[in-house]
């Protein structure tokens, strides 16, 4: 009875050792892959780094933003790296990463992350403590005198009366009230005076002779 038990124990131990050896051989024959999916999301970019995937099977990666394709289904082997720019958005968006591993569904991934809205990095100006300087009054426009016009004025000064010309018509001397008979009249007057003088002299001589 004791020998039979010892025989069964030895047989069981042998079977266990053989099974462990076979399992070890099977595990060493199948390649082991770590399947390391690393990805991150910022306000404007998605970074994807997939390493240690099967180099013999087709693996697929897809990225969507709010249900719209950012990276359509792309096939890769062993590893995949990419940087994708997010479209401009004024509210948070949902980024989804889908990985289909070719060597088993247990290595596939379906994950989502939220991309925040990018804030303006420009600092807002700090309020100034210096009171604003008063605005100088605007200068009063001066009324400029009208520019002299080239057109002569219709109200021209009165023309002074023309001085009488000292020259007679045709370039001769101006008339002084006399005429061409003036020398004759002057000669006759002389003769009258001389005659009168002679008569008076003769009369005086008679008077002196009578006395």
Protein backbone atom coordinates (compact mmCIF):
# COMPACT_ATOMS: atom_id res chain seq x y z
CA UNK A 1 0.00 0.00 0.00
CA UNK A 2 2.85 2.31 0.90
CA UNK A 3 4.70 1.49 -2.31
CA UNK A 4 1.60 2.23 -4.38
CA UNK A 5 1.26 5.68 -2.84
CA UNK A 6 4.90 6.42 -3.50
CA UNK A 7 4.49 5.35 -7.10
CA UNK A 8 1.49 7.70 -7.59
CA UNK A 9 3.35 10.58 -6.00
CA UNK A 10 6.29 10.08 -8.32
CA UNK A 11 3.98 9.88 -11.32
CA UNK A 12 2.15 13.09 -10.32
CA UNK A 13 5.41 14.93 -9.81
CA UNK A 14 6.66 13.82 -13.20
CA UNK A 15 3.44 14.98 -14.89
CA UNK A 16 3.64 18.39 -13.17
CA UNK A 17 7.24 18.88 -14.23
CA UNK A 18 6.41 17.87 -17.79
CA UNK A 19 3.43 20.25 -17.94
CA UNK A 20 5.47 23.14 -16.61
CA UNK A 21 8.18 22.42 -19.17
CA UNK A 22 5.68 22.32 -22.01
CA UNK A 23 4.08 25.58 -20.88
CA UNK A 24 7.48 27.23 -20.65
CA UNK A 25 8.36 26.08 -24.15
CA UNK A 26 5.03 27.41 -25.46
CA UNK A 27 5.50 30.78 -23.81
CA UNK A 28 9.03 31.12 -25.11
CA UNK A 29 7.87 30.24 -28.62
CA UNK A 30 5.19 33.02 -28.68
CA UNK A 31 6.65 36.57 -28.94
CA UNK A 32 5.81 38.88 -26.05
CA UNK A 33 4.88 42.55 -26.78
CA UNK A 34 4.35 45.20 -24.15
CA UNK A 35 1.85 47.24 -26.24
CA UNK A 36 2.56 50.67 -24.79
CA UNK A 37 0.07 53.36 -25.90
CA UNK A 38 1.07 56.84 -24.75
CA UNK A 39 -0.89 59.89 -25.85
CA UNK A 40 -1.63 63.39 -24.56
CA UNK A 41 -3.95 66.24 -25.39
CA UNK A 42 -3.39 70.00 -25.01
CA UNK A 43 -5.57 72.92 -26.03
CA UNK A 44 -4.22 72.84 -29.60
CA UNK A 45 -2.41 69.53 -30.16
CA UNK A 46 -2.67 65.75 -29.84
CA UNK A 47 0.50 63.70 -29.36
CA UNK A 48 0.47 59.92 -29.98
CA UNK A 49 3.32 57.48 -29.30
CA UNK A 50 2.51 53.77 -29.70
CA UNK A 51 5.39 51.35 -29.10
CA UNK A 52 6.02 47.62 -28.67
CA UNK A 53 3.18 46.49 -30.93
CA UNK A 54 3.29 43.40 -33.13
CA UNK A 55 5.68 43.83 -36.09
CA UNK A 56 3.99 40.95 -37.90
CA UNK A 57 0.33 42.00 -37.61
CA UNK A 58 -1.52 45.06 -38.90
CA UNK A 59 -2.46 47.45 -36.09
CA UNK A 60 -4.87 50.35 -36.65
CA UNK A 61 -5.10 53.77 -34.95
CA UNK A 62 -7.90 56.34 -35.34
CA UNK A 63 -8.36 59.77 -33.70
CA UNK A 64 -11.57 61.82 -33.74
CA UNK A 65 -12.55 65.24 -32.32
CA UNK A 66 -16.21 65.53 -31.30
CA UNK A 67 -17.01 62.66 -33.67
CA UNK A 68 -15.09 64.12 -36.65
CA UNK A 69 -11.97 62.44 -38.01
CA UNK A 70 -8.74 64.15 -37.03
CA UNK A 71 -6.70 61.09 -38.06
CA UNK A 72 -8.59 58.59 -40.24
CA UNK A 73 -7.88 54.90 -39.63
CA UNK A 74 -4.14 54.39 -40.20
CA UNK A 75 -2.39 51.00 -40.26
CA UNK A 76 1.01 50.53 -38.61
CA UNK A 77 3.31 47.80 -37.35
CA UNK A 78 5.55 47.74 -34.30
CA UNK A 79 5.20 51.48 -33.48
CA UNK A 80 3.50 54.72 -34.44
CA UNK A 81 4.30 58.38 -33.65
CA UNK A 82 2.44 61.54 -34.69
CA UNK A 83 1.65 65.13 -33.64
CA UNK A 84 -1.70 66.53 -34.79
CA UNK A 85 -2.94 70.12 -34.60
CA UNK A 86 -6.42 70.55 -33.19
CA UNK A 87 -8.85 72.84 -35.01
CA UNK A 88 -9.61 76.18 -33.36
CA UNK A 89 -12.39 75.90 -30.78
CA UNK A 90 -14.06 78.24 -28.29
CA UNK A 91 -15.23 75.48 -25.96
CA UNK A 92 -13.90 72.14 -24.71
CA UNK A 93 -13.81 69.31 -27.26
CA UNK A 94 -13.63 65.55 -26.81
CA UNK A 95 -10.69 63.72 -28.37
CA UNK A 96 -11.06 59.96 -28.86
CA UNK A 97 -8.24 57.46 -29.51
CA UNK A 98 -9.10 54.02 -30.94
CA UNK A 99 -6.39 51.35 -31.28
CA UNK A 100 -7.10 47.94 -32.79
CA UNK A 101 -4.22 45.55 -32.08
CA UNK A 102 -3.68 42.87 -34.71
CA UNK A 103 -2.47 40.26 -32.25
CA UNK A 104 -5.48 40.27 -29.91
CA UNK A 105 -8.42 42.40 -28.82
CA UNK A 106 -7.05 42.40 -25.28
CA UNK A 107 -4.41 44.87 -26.49
CA UNK A 108 -6.87 47.21 -28.19
CA UNK A 109 -7.75 50.61 -26.69
CA UNK A 110 -10.71 53.00 -26.85
CA UNK A 111 -9.99 56.10 -24.74
CA UNK A 112 -11.18 59.73 -24.65
CA UNK A 113 -9.67 62.95 -23.33
CA UNK A 114 -10.83 66.58 -23.22
CA UNK A 115 -9.00 69.40 -24.96
CA UNK A 116 -9.43 72.74 -23.14
CA UNK A 117 -9.81 76.13 -24.78
CA UNK A 118 -6.53 77.95 -25.39
CA UNK A 119 -6.25 81.09 -23.31
CA UNK A 120 -4.65 84.27 -24.57
CA UNK A 121 -1.08 84.36 -23.28
CA UNK A 122 -0.82 88.13 -23.72
CA UNK A 123 -0.99 89.75 -20.26
CA UNK A 124 -3.69 92.35 -19.88
CA UNK A 125 -2.33 95.86 -19.28
CA UNK A 126 -2.29 96.93 -15.66
CA UNK A 127 -4.43 99.97 -14.84
CA UNK A 128 -2.39 103.16 -14.69
CA UNK A 129 -2.39 105.15 -11.43
CA UNK A 130 -1.31 108.39 -13.14
CA UNK A 131 -4.30 110.63 -13.78
CA UNK A 132 -4.75 111.47 -17.41
CA UNK A 133 -3.40 114.84 -18.47
CA UNK A 134 -6.08 117.38 -19.41
CA UNK A 135 -6.69 117.73 -23.08
CA UNK A 136 -5.64 121.18 -24.31
CA UNK A 137 -8.51 123.21 -25.82
CA UNK A 138 -8.64 123.17 -29.52
CA UNK A 139 -7.45 126.46 -31.06
CA UNK A 140 -10.17 128.82 -32.31
CA UNK A 141 -9.94 129.11 -36.04
CA UNK A 142 -8.92 132.64 -37.03
CA UNK A 143 -11.08 134.48 -39.51
CA UNK A 144 -8.79 135.26 -42.36
CA UNK A 145 -9.40 138.31 -44.49
CA UNK A 146 -10.57 137.48 -47.97
CA UNK A 147 -7.81 137.21 -50.46
CA UNK A 148 -7.64 140.05 -52.95
CA UNK A 149 -9.51 139.15 -56.05
CA UNK A 150 -7.94 139.55 -59.44
CA UNK A 151 -11.28 140.80 -60.79
CA UNK A 152 -11.49 144.62 -60.61
CA UNK A 153 -14.17 145.95 -58.30
CA UNK A 154 -17.32 147.27 -59.92
CA UNK A 155 -17.32 150.28 -57.55
CA UNK A 156 -14.19 152.01 -58.90
CA UNK A 157 -13.27 155.41 -57.42
CA UNK A 158 -14.64 158.43 -59.28
CA UNK A 159 -12.33 159.70 -61.97
CA UNK A 160 -11.13 163.26 -61.19
CA UNK A 161 -12.16 165.90 -63.78
CA UNK A 162 -9.63 166.35 -66.49
CA UNK A 163 -7.59 169.54 -66.34
CA UNK A 164 -8.15 171.91 -69.24
CA UNK A 165 -5.62 171.36 -71.92
CA UNK A 166 -3.28 174.29 -72.63
CA UNK A 167 -2.78 173.17 -76.16
CA UNK A 168 -5.17 174.07 -78.91
CA UNK A 169 -6.56 171.45 -81.19
CA UNK A 170 -4.08 170.31 -83.74
CA UNK A 171 -1.08 171.05 -81.49
CA UNK A 172 -1.40 174.95 -81.53
CA UNK A 173 -1.64 177.26 -78.56
CA UNK A 174 -4.74 177.31 -76.51
CA UNK A 175 -7.30 180.08 -77.12
CA UNK A 176 -7.05 183.00 -74.61
CA UNK A 177 -10.12 185.00 -75.67
CA UNK A 178 -8.42 186.84 -78.59
CA UNK A 179 -8.78 186.35 -82.29
CA UNK A 180 -6.80 187.09 -85.46
CA UNK A 181 -8.19 190.72 -85.50
CA UNK A 182 -6.56 191.68 -82.25
CA UNK A 183 -3.33 193.16 -83.86
CA UNK A 184 -5.41 195.37 -86.16
CA UNK A 185 -7.48 196.71 -83.30
CA UNK A 186 -4.33 197.37 -81.30
CA UNK A 187 -2.76 199.30 -84.24
CA UNK A 188 -5.90 201.46 -84.74
CA UNK A 189 -5.94 202.28 -81.03
CA UNK A 190 -2.35 203.37 -81.24
CA UNK A 191 -3.10 205.62 -84.15
CA UNK A 192 -6.05 207.15 -82.27
CA UNK A 193 -3.88 207.85 -79.27
CA UNK A 194 -1.16 209.37 -81.39
CA UNK A 195 -3.70 211.51 -83.25
CA UNK A 196 -5.24 212.64 -80.01
CA UNK A 197 -1.84 213.51 -78.68
CA UNK A 198 -1.05 215.57 -81.80
CA UNK A 199 -4.30 217.48 -81.53
CA UNK A 200 -3.68 218.28 -77.89
CA UNK A 201 -0.14 219.43 -78.63
CA UNK A 202 -1.36 221.70 -81.47
CA UNK A 203 -4.05 223.18 -79.26
CA UNK A 204 -1.60 224.00 -76.51
CA UNK A 205 0.73 225.63 -79.02
CA UNK A 206 -2.10 227.91 -80.26
CA UNK A 207 -2.98 228.95 -76.80
CA UNK A 208 0.56 229.85 -76.01
CA UNK A 209 0.83 231.91 -79.25
CA UNK A 210 -2.34 233.86 -78.52
CA UNK A 211 -1.05 234.97 -75.14
